[in-house]
N, C-alpha and C. Protein backbone atom coordinates (compact mmCIF):
# COMPACT_ATOMS: atom_id res chain seq x y z
N MET A 1 -18.85 17.02 -27.39
CA MET A 1 -19.35 16.60 -26.07
C MET A 1 -18.21 15.82 -25.30
N THR A 2 -17.50 15.06 -25.98
CA THR A 2 -16.44 14.35 -25.40
C THR A 2 -15.37 15.11 -24.80
N LYS A 3 -15.07 16.24 -25.46
CA LYS A 3 -14.07 17.16 -24.96
C LYS A 3 -14.56 17.77 -23.61
N ILE A 4 -15.75 18.06 -23.55
CA ILE A 4 -16.37 18.67 -22.22
C ILE A 4 -16.25 17.69 -21.13
N VAL A 5 -16.53 16.48 -21.46
CA VAL A 5 -16.47 15.39 -20.30
C VAL A 5 -15.07 15.25 -19.82
N VAL A 6 -14.20 15.16 -20.89
CA VAL A 6 -12.70 15.02 -20.56
C VAL A 6 -12.20 16.24 -19.71
N LEU A 7 -12.65 17.40 -20.13
CA LEU A 7 -12.23 18.65 -19.39
C LEU A 7 -12.77 18.59 -17.96
N ALA A 8 -14.05 18.17 -17.81
CA ALA A 8 -14.61 18.09 -16.46
C ALA A 8 -13.91 17.09 -15.60
N LEU A 9 -13.54 15.96 -16.18
CA LEU A 9 -12.72 15.00 -15.42
C LEU A 9 -11.37 15.46 -15.09
N LEU A 10 -10.83 16.31 -15.99
CA LEU A 10 -9.45 16.69 -15.74
C LEU A 10 -9.54 17.78 -14.54
N VAL A 11 -10.51 18.58 -14.69
CA VAL A 11 -10.55 19.60 -13.52
C VAL A 11 -10.88 18.88 -12.17
N ALA A 12 -11.71 17.86 -12.25
CA ALA A 12 -11.97 17.19 -11.02
C ALA A 12 -10.79 16.44 -10.50
N ALA A 13 -9.94 15.88 -11.40
CA ALA A 13 -8.64 15.25 -11.00
C ALA A 13 -7.71 16.20 -10.33
N VAL A 14 -7.57 17.38 -10.92
CA VAL A 14 -6.63 18.45 -10.52
C VAL A 14 -7.11 18.94 -9.17
N THR A 15 -8.35 19.13 -8.98
CA THR A 15 -8.96 19.60 -7.78
C THR A 15 -8.66 18.62 -6.65
N ALA A 16 -8.78 17.25 -6.96
CA ALA A 16 -8.50 16.23 -6.00
C ALA A 16 -7.09 16.10 -5.59
N VAL A 17 -6.19 16.31 -6.57
CA VAL A 17 -4.72 16.37 -6.37
C VAL A 17 -4.40 17.58 -5.45
N LEU A 18 -4.85 18.74 -5.67
CA LEU A 18 -4.60 19.83 -4.87
C LEU A 18 -5.05 19.65 -3.46
N ASP A 19 -6.26 19.08 -3.36
CA ASP A 19 -6.86 18.84 -1.99
C ASP A 19 -5.97 17.80 -1.21
N LEU A 20 -5.43 16.83 -1.95
CA LEU A 20 -4.60 15.81 -1.29
C LEU A 20 -3.25 16.44 -0.93
N GLN A 21 -2.76 17.35 -1.72
CA GLN A 21 -1.53 18.14 -1.37
C GLN A 21 -1.67 18.89 -0.03
N GLY A 22 -2.78 19.52 0.07
CA GLY A 22 -3.13 20.26 1.32
C GLY A 22 -3.20 19.30 2.52
N GLN A 23 -3.82 18.18 2.39
CA GLN A 23 -3.81 17.19 3.43
C GLN A 23 -2.59 16.65 3.75
N ILE A 24 -1.71 16.46 2.79
CA ILE A 24 -0.32 15.93 3.03
C ILE A 24 0.42 17.00 3.77
N ALA A 25 0.33 18.23 3.42
CA ALA A 25 1.06 19.36 4.18
C ALA A 25 0.56 19.43 5.63
N ALA A 26 -0.76 19.25 5.80
CA ALA A 26 -1.19 19.34 7.16
C ALA A 26 -0.72 18.15 7.98
N ALA A 27 -0.67 16.95 7.42
CA ALA A 27 -0.25 15.83 8.08
C ALA A 27 1.27 15.88 8.45
N GLU A 28 1.99 16.43 7.52
CA GLU A 28 3.47 16.65 7.80
C GLU A 28 3.65 17.64 8.94
N ALA A 29 2.87 18.71 8.98
CA ALA A 29 3.02 19.62 10.05
C ALA A 29 2.63 18.96 11.39
N GLN A 30 1.54 18.19 11.36
CA GLN A 30 1.15 17.52 12.59
C GLN A 30 2.27 16.44 12.98
N LYS A 31 2.85 15.85 11.99
CA LYS A 31 3.94 14.80 12.35
C LYS A 31 5.09 15.54 12.94
N ALA A 32 5.48 16.75 12.47
CA ALA A 32 6.60 17.46 13.02
C ALA A 32 6.24 17.80 14.51
N GLU A 33 5.04 18.26 14.70
CA GLU A 33 4.66 18.75 16.14
C GLU A 33 4.69 17.54 16.98
N LEU A 34 4.20 16.40 16.53
CA LEU A 34 4.18 15.19 17.42
C LEU A 34 5.62 14.67 17.69
N GLU A 35 6.46 14.83 16.76
CA GLU A 35 7.83 14.44 16.90
C GLU A 35 8.52 15.27 17.94
N ALA A 36 8.17 16.57 17.93
CA ALA A 36 8.70 17.51 18.95
C ALA A 36 8.16 17.21 20.38
N GLN A 37 6.93 16.76 20.49
CA GLN A 37 6.31 16.27 21.70
C GLN A 37 6.97 15.01 22.17
N VAL A 38 7.29 14.20 21.27
CA VAL A 38 7.94 12.94 21.62
C VAL A 38 9.32 13.25 22.17
N ALA A 39 10.09 14.04 21.57
CA ALA A 39 11.38 14.48 22.01
C ALA A 39 11.29 15.04 23.42
N ALA A 40 10.33 15.89 23.59
CA ALA A 40 10.21 16.64 24.90
C ALA A 40 9.84 15.56 26.01
N GLN A 41 9.03 14.65 25.66
CA GLN A 41 8.55 13.61 26.65
C GLN A 41 9.82 12.69 26.96
N GLU A 42 10.63 12.33 25.89
CA GLU A 42 11.74 11.55 26.11
C GLU A 42 12.76 12.18 27.02
N GLN A 43 12.81 13.45 26.96
CA GLN A 43 13.80 14.27 27.76
C GLN A 43 13.25 14.32 29.24
N THR A 44 11.93 14.52 29.31
CA THR A 44 11.34 14.32 30.70
C THR A 44 11.51 12.96 31.31
N ASN A 45 11.21 11.97 30.53
CA ASN A 45 11.51 10.54 31.06
C ASN A 45 12.87 10.39 31.42
N ALA A 46 13.86 10.91 30.77
CA ALA A 46 15.31 10.77 31.12
C ALA A 46 15.55 11.42 32.31
N ASP A 47 15.05 12.64 32.59
CA ASP A 47 15.26 13.37 33.78
C ASP A 47 14.70 12.63 34.99
N LEU A 48 13.47 12.13 34.75
CA LEU A 48 12.86 11.36 35.83
C LEU A 48 13.58 10.07 36.20
N GLN A 49 14.11 9.42 35.19
CA GLN A 49 14.90 8.22 35.41
C GLN A 49 16.22 8.60 36.15
N ASP A 50 16.86 9.60 35.91
CA ASP A 50 17.95 10.13 36.58
C ASP A 50 17.62 10.45 37.94
N ALA A 51 16.51 11.02 38.25
CA ALA A 51 16.06 11.28 39.65
C ALA A 51 15.85 10.01 40.45
N VAL A 52 15.39 9.02 39.72
CA VAL A 52 15.12 7.73 40.43
C VAL A 52 16.37 7.05 40.61
N ASP A 53 17.34 7.06 39.69
CA ASP A 53 18.56 6.40 39.83
C ASP A 53 19.41 6.95 40.88
N HIS A 54 19.29 8.33 41.08
CA HIS A 54 20.11 8.98 42.09
C HIS A 54 19.35 9.43 43.30
N SER A 55 18.19 8.76 43.52
CA SER A 55 17.44 9.13 44.75
C SER A 55 18.12 8.89 46.05
N ASP A 56 19.00 7.97 46.07
CA ASP A 56 19.69 7.70 47.36
C ASP A 56 20.96 8.52 47.64
N ASP A 57 21.26 9.34 46.62
CA ASP A 57 22.44 10.21 46.81
C ASP A 57 22.27 11.23 47.92
N PRO A 58 23.14 11.22 48.90
CA PRO A 58 23.08 12.17 49.98
C PRO A 58 23.11 13.68 49.57
N GLU A 59 23.99 13.96 48.60
CA GLU A 59 24.04 15.31 48.11
C GLU A 59 22.71 15.78 47.36
N ARG A 60 22.06 14.78 46.74
CA ARG A 60 20.80 15.13 46.01
C ARG A 60 19.69 15.30 47.11
N LYS A 61 19.80 14.53 48.13
CA LYS A 61 18.74 14.76 49.25
C LYS A 61 18.95 16.12 49.89
N GLU A 62 20.23 16.52 50.14
CA GLU A 62 20.48 17.85 50.67
C GLU A 62 19.94 18.85 49.83
N ASP A 63 20.31 18.82 48.56
CA ASP A 63 19.85 19.92 47.56
C ASP A 63 18.32 19.93 47.61
N LEU A 64 17.60 18.87 47.66
CA LEU A 64 16.12 18.88 47.75
C LEU A 64 15.56 19.48 48.94
N ALA A 65 16.25 19.06 50.01
CA ALA A 65 15.84 19.65 51.42
C ALA A 65 16.10 21.26 51.38
N ARG A 66 17.12 21.65 50.81
CA ARG A 66 17.37 23.08 50.67
C ARG A 66 16.40 23.83 49.77
N SER A 67 16.25 23.27 48.62
CA SER A 67 15.45 23.96 47.56
C SER A 67 13.91 23.77 47.72
N LYS A 68 13.56 22.61 48.09
CA LYS A 68 12.05 22.38 48.27
C LYS A 68 11.47 22.67 49.71
N LEU A 69 12.32 22.35 50.69
CA LEU A 69 11.79 22.48 52.03
C LEU A 69 12.33 23.74 52.75
N GLY A 70 13.36 24.38 52.17
CA GLY A 70 13.90 25.47 52.87
C GLY A 70 14.80 25.18 54.11
N LEU A 71 15.21 23.88 54.12
CA LEU A 71 15.95 23.49 55.32
C LEU A 71 17.42 23.90 55.21
N ALA A 72 18.17 23.93 56.30
CA ALA A 72 19.58 24.26 56.25
C ALA A 72 20.30 23.39 57.29
N ALA A 73 21.52 23.20 57.15
CA ALA A 73 22.44 22.48 58.12
C ALA A 73 22.51 23.37 59.41
N PRO A 74 22.70 22.63 60.52
CA PRO A 74 22.74 23.43 61.87
C PRO A 74 23.73 24.65 61.88
N ASP A 75 24.92 24.55 61.15
CA ASP A 75 25.85 25.57 61.19
C ASP A 75 25.71 26.61 59.96
N GLU A 76 24.68 26.53 59.19
CA GLU A 76 24.43 27.31 58.12
C GLU A 76 23.51 28.55 58.33
N GLN A 77 23.67 29.63 57.61
CA GLN A 77 22.77 30.76 57.64
C GLN A 77 22.24 30.95 56.29
N ILE A 78 20.95 31.13 56.24
CA ILE A 78 20.31 31.33 54.91
C ILE A 78 20.03 32.83 54.77
N ILE A 79 20.36 33.32 53.66
CA ILE A 79 20.12 34.70 53.34
C ILE A 79 19.29 34.80 52.09
N ILE A 80 18.13 35.40 52.22
CA ILE A 80 17.20 35.53 51.01
C ILE A 80 17.13 36.88 50.53
N PHE A 81 17.42 37.10 49.29
CA PHE A 81 17.36 38.33 48.66
C PHE A 81 16.01 38.53 47.95
N THR A 82 15.44 39.76 48.27
CA THR A 82 14.18 39.99 47.62
C THR A 82 14.30 41.26 46.79
N ASP A 83 13.36 41.44 45.80
CA ASP A 83 13.55 42.64 44.98
C ASP A 83 12.78 43.89 45.61
């Protein structure tokens, strides 16, 4: 009878360990995904900080006027290629 109880406890312990290993693997995968998100957000923050730091740069203002607003200098001609 003692052997059956010990065997049952051993099976329960092995099952618990396997379940914990699965949880650990899932947590590690989630950690890796979150670390990737953090790295992407840090890059976004750095890009935004650069934009703020250089917001008074005349060349940057010119580039934004051209790319976002479609503006051009008085002596420029804009050629748009379409497919």
